Amino acid sequence: MCKNNTEVAALLIPRIQPFELEKGDALIVVDLQNDFLPGGALGVADGEKVLTVINSCIDLFQAHGLPVIATRDWHPPKHCSFQEQGGPWPPHCVADTHGAEFAADLHLPSDATIISKGTDPKKDAYSGFEDTKLEAVLSSLGVRQLFVGGLATDYCVLNTVKDALENCYSVYVLKDAVRAVNLDAEDGDKALDEMRANGAIVIATMDLAA
């Protein structure tokens, strides 16, 4: 358990905008997969619009020699989250299918770390930390601060950020690099508010120094 997420947020405030990336920073790209883009099995409205922004962030982190980590849903065919199994969602991101592949226009570097989640047919996993090696990877890389973008704001981004804070990472959410499912119209905004309340700092990618 982290000491206190309010204290974590307080540590973030002194960093001057635009933020100079530094050793200990890492970028987490959440679930930019075909099934979550418009036209996919569980497409997020305007989800494709984050790709250009995320690619710019990837280039920036690569230029600084900093880690890029991409999470992905990687479900078995009869995953518990699917409607056929009593879950809330249509089948999506089934392992080794086109829908589970990263978006073709996502420019992941060859040395990016890929984190697969939701691989247990009996367990859902919105967070990139849940039953994955993500925490071990971040620890081995000496990461202390995370910059997070991807899909979707109100589900996998939200839960990944909350778990990152629980694991004592400082977290910046890139507000122009996320989009929400918005089953209810305000879900995305509520998710950002919840992340702030838990200690995350919400910034725009333009706040990152080039």
Protein backbone atom coordinates (compact mmCIF):
# COMPACT_ATOMS: atom_id res chain seq x y z
CA MET A 1 0.00 0.00 0.00
CA CYS A 2 1.36 3.40 -0.94
CA LYS A 3 1.96 5.91 1.81
CA ASN A 4 -0.73 8.33 0.71
CA ASN A 5 -1.88 9.28 -2.76
CA THR A 6 -2.42 12.88 -1.71
CA GLU A 7 1.25 13.01 -0.72
CA VAL A 8 2.18 11.51 -4.09
CA ALA A 9 0.25 14.28 -5.84
CA ALA A 10 2.01 16.88 -3.72
CA LEU A 11 5.36 15.58 -4.95
CA LEU A 12 4.27 16.16 -8.52
CA ILE A 13 3.25 19.79 -8.21
CA PRO A 14 6.75 21.35 -8.10
CA ARG A 15 7.66 20.06 -11.59
CA ILE A 16 7.69 23.11 -13.85
CA GLN A 17 5.71 23.14 -17.09
CA PRO A 18 6.64 22.27 -19.74
CA PHE A 19 7.79 19.07 -18.08
CA GLU A 20 11.36 18.07 -18.80
CA LEU A 21 11.42 14.30 -19.11
CA GLU A 22 14.04 12.66 -16.93
CA LYS A 23 15.43 9.33 -15.84
CA GLY A 24 12.72 7.39 -14.01
CA ASP A 25 9.93 8.48 -16.37
CA ALA A 26 8.06 5.99 -18.59
CA LEU A 27 5.20 6.14 -21.09
CA ILE A 28 2.32 3.66 -20.80
CA VAL A 29 0.18 3.23 -23.92
CA VAL A 30 -3.10 1.58 -22.93
CA ASP A 31 -4.90 -0.83 -25.29
CA LEU A 32 -4.56 0.90 -28.66
CA GLN A 33 -5.92 -2.17 -30.43
CA ASN A 34 -8.07 -2.58 -33.52
CA ASP A 35 -11.16 -3.71 -31.61
CA PHE A 36 -11.15 -0.49 -29.57
CA LEU A 37 -10.95 1.78 -32.61
CA PRO A 38 -14.03 2.89 -34.59
CA GLY A 39 -15.27 -0.05 -36.62
CA GLY A 40 -13.88 -2.56 -34.12
CA ALA A 41 -15.89 -4.93 -31.98
CA LEU A 42 -15.87 -2.46 -29.08
CA GLY A 43 -14.93 0.75 -30.86
CA VAL A 44 -14.43 3.94 -28.86
CA ALA A 45 -15.74 7.09 -30.56
CA ASP A 46 -12.82 9.19 -31.88
CA GLY A 47 -10.41 6.59 -30.56
CA GLU A 48 -8.30 6.88 -33.68
CA LYS A 49 -7.64 10.54 -32.88
CA VAL A 50 -5.26 9.66 -30.06
CA LEU A 51 -2.85 7.85 -32.41
CA THR A 52 -1.06 10.93 -33.70
CA VAL A 53 -0.73 12.30 -30.18
CA ILE A 54 0.53 9.00 -28.77
CA ASN A 55 3.01 8.61 -31.62
CA SER A 56 4.44 12.04 -30.82
CA CYS A 57 4.82 10.99 -27.19
CA ILE A 58 6.53 7.76 -28.22
CA ASP A 59 9.00 9.72 -30.34
CA LEU A 60 9.70 12.05 -27.43
CA PHE A 61 10.30 9.26 -24.93
CA GLN A 62 12.48 7.41 -27.45
CA ALA A 63 14.53 10.54 -28.03
CA HIS A 64 15.18 10.72 -24.28
CA GLY A 65 16.03 7.02 -24.04
CA LEU A 66 13.04 6.39 -21.78
CA PRO A 67 10.85 3.25 -21.63
CA VAL A 68 7.70 2.81 -23.69
CA ILE A 69 5.25 0.18 -22.44
CA ALA A 70 2.08 -0.92 -24.24
CA THR A 71 -0.72 -2.86 -22.58
CA ARG A 72 -3.21 -4.96 -24.52
CA ASP A 73 -6.30 -7.05 -23.87
CA TRP A 74 -5.38 -10.59 -24.88
CA HIS A 75 -8.49 -12.61 -24.18
CA PRO A 76 -9.23 -16.31 -24.65
CA PRO A 77 -12.25 -17.03 -26.91
CA LYS A 78 -14.66 -17.59 -23.99
CA HIS A 79 -13.58 -14.82 -21.68
CA CYS A 80 -15.86 -13.98 -18.76
CA SER A 81 -16.29 -10.37 -19.92
CA PHE A 82 -18.02 -11.47 -23.14
CA GLN A 83 -21.81 -11.30 -23.33
CA GLU A 84 -22.02 -14.98 -24.31
CA GLN A 85 -20.43 -15.79 -20.95
CA GLY A 86 -22.66 -13.38 -19.01
CA GLY A 87 -20.30 -10.41 -19.19
CA PRO A 88 -21.07 -6.82 -20.29
CA TRP A 89 -19.12 -6.66 -23.56
CA PRO A 90 -19.23 -8.18 -27.03
CA PRO A 91 -16.30 -10.49 -27.81
CA HIS A 92 -13.21 -8.36 -28.37
CA CYS A 93 -9.42 -8.57 -28.48
CA VAL A 94 -9.34 -12.35 -28.71
CA ALA A 95 -5.69 -13.42 -28.65
CA ASP A 96 -4.01 -13.82 -32.04
CA THR A 97 -6.86 -12.19 -33.99
CA HIS A 98 -6.84 -9.00 -36.05
CA GLY A 99 -9.00 -7.26 -33.44
CA ALA A 100 -6.36 -7.86 -30.78
CA GLU A 101 -3.53 -6.43 -32.86
CA PHE A 102 -2.20 -2.97 -32.13
CA ALA A 103 -3.47 -0.28 -34.48
CA ALA A 104 -1.49 -0.27 -37.72
CA ASP A 105 -0.80 3.46 -37.34
CA LEU A 106 0.61 3.05 -33.82
CA HIS A 107 4.39 3.44 -34.07
CA LEU A 108 5.54 1.21 -31.23
CA PRO A 109 9.33 0.94 -31.12
CA SER A 110 10.90 -2.49 -31.47
CA ASP A 111 12.09 -2.38 -27.86
CA ALA A 112 8.69 -1.48 -26.37
CA THR A 113 7.56 -3.77 -23.56
CA ILE A 114 4.22 -5.46 -24.29
CA ILE A 115 1.98 -6.31 -21.34
CA SER A 116 -0.89 -8.75 -22.02
CA LYS A 117 -3.85 -8.70 -19.64
CA GLY A 118 -7.19 -10.45 -19.31
CA THR A 119 -5.64 -13.77 -20.27
CA ASP A 120 -7.49 -15.79 -17.62
CA PRO A 121 -10.92 -16.82 -18.97
CA LYS A 122 -12.43 -16.51 -15.49
CA LYS A 123 -11.06 -13.08 -14.56
CA ASP A 124 -11.52 -9.65 -16.06
CA ALA A 125 -8.61 -7.23 -15.94
CA TYR A 126 -9.11 -3.56 -16.74
CA SER A 127 -5.79 -2.61 -15.18
CA GLY A 128 -2.43 -3.21 -16.80
CA PHE A 129 -1.15 -4.23 -13.37
CA GLU A 130 -3.68 -6.99 -12.72
CA ASP A 131 -2.05 -10.43 -12.92
CA THR A 132 0.70 -9.14 -15.21
CA LYS A 133 4.45 -8.47 -15.05
CA LEU A 134 4.01 -4.70 -15.32
CA GLU A 135 5.04 -3.88 -11.75
CA ALA A 136 8.14 -6.09 -12.04
CA VAL A 137 9.08 -4.46 -15.36
CA LEU A 138 8.74 -0.93 -13.98
CA SER A 139 10.72 -1.83 -10.89
CA SER A 140 13.53 -3.39 -12.93
CA LEU A 141 13.75 -0.25 -15.07
CA GLY A 142 13.87 2.08 -12.08
CA VAL A 143 10.68 3.85 -13.12
CA ARG A 144 9.13 6.28 -10.64
CA GLN A 145 6.83 8.45 -12.77
CA LEU A 146 4.34 7.33 -15.39
CA PHE A 147 2.76 9.23 -18.28
CA VAL A 148 -0.41 7.46 -19.43
CA GLY A 149 -2.55 7.65 -22.57
CA GLY A 150 -4.77 5.32 -24.59
CA LEU A 151 -8.18 3.67 -24.41
CA ALA A 152 -10.49 3.89 -22.73
CA THR A 153 -10.48 6.73 -20.19
CA ASP A 154 -13.33 5.31 -18.12
CA TYR A 155 -12.14 1.70 -17.98
CA CYS A 156 -8.61 0.50 -18.67
CA VAL A 157 -6.92 3.90 -18.39
CA LEU A 158 -8.76 4.64 -15.14
CA ASN A 159 -7.94 1.31 -13.54
CA THR A 160 -4.32 1.28 -14.69
CA VAL A 161 -3.83 4.76 -13.24
CA LYS A 162 -5.47 3.83 -9.94
CA ASP A 163 -3.30 0.74 -9.56
CA ALA A 164 -0.18 2.73 -10.48
CA LEU A 165 -0.97 5.17 -7.68
CA GLU A 166 -1.59 2.31 -5.28
CA ASN A 167 1.86 1.02 -6.22
CA CYS A 168 3.37 4.40 -5.29
CA TYR A 169 4.08 5.72 -8.77
CA SER A 170 3.57 9.36 -9.60
CA VAL A 171 1.15 9.51 -12.52
CA TYR A 172 0.44 12.06 -15.22
CA VAL A 173 -2.62 11.43 -17.40
CA LEU A 174 -2.35 12.86 -20.92
CA LYS A 175 -5.85 14.26 -21.39
CA ASP A 176 -5.58 14.74 -25.16
CA ALA A 177 -4.26 11.19 -25.58
CA VAL A 178 -7.30 9.43 -24.10
CA ARG A 179 -10.90 8.84 -25.16
CA ALA A 180 -13.82 7.35 -23.22
CA VAL A 181 -16.45 4.71 -23.91
CA ASN A 182 -19.03 7.00 -22.29
CA LEU A 183 -21.88 4.57 -21.75
CA ASP A 184 -23.17 7.60 -19.87
CA ALA A 185 -22.18 10.91 -21.42
CA GLU A 186 -20.14 12.10 -18.43
CA ASP A 187 -18.23 8.86 -17.75
CA GLY A 188 -14.98 10.13 -19.25
CA ASP A 189 -15.05 13.37 -17.26
CA LYS A 190 -15.95 11.47 -14.10
CA ALA A 191 -13.03 9.11 -14.67
CA LEU A 192 -10.61 12.03 -15.00
CA ASP A 193 -12.03 13.51 -11.79
CA GLU A 194 -11.59 10.17 -10.03
CA MET A 195 -7.99 9.91 -11.19
CA ARG A 196 -7.32 13.42 -9.91
CA ALA A 197 -8.97 12.60 -6.58
CA ASN A 198 -6.69 9.57 -6.25
CA GLY A 199 -3.57 11.66 -6.81
CA ALA A 200 -2.96 11.72 -10.58
CA ILE A 201 -2.10 14.95 -12.37
CA VAL A 202 -3.96 15.56 -15.63
CA ILE A 203 -1.93 17.42 -18.25
CA ALA A 204 -1.88 17.97 -22.01
CA THR A 205 0.84 16.51 -24.20
CA MET A 206 1.86 20.05 -25.16
CA ASP A 207 3.07 20.38 -21.55
CA LEU A 208 5.86 17.92 -22.35
CA ALA A 209 9.01 19.73 -23.37
CA ALA A 210 10.12 18.91 -26.92
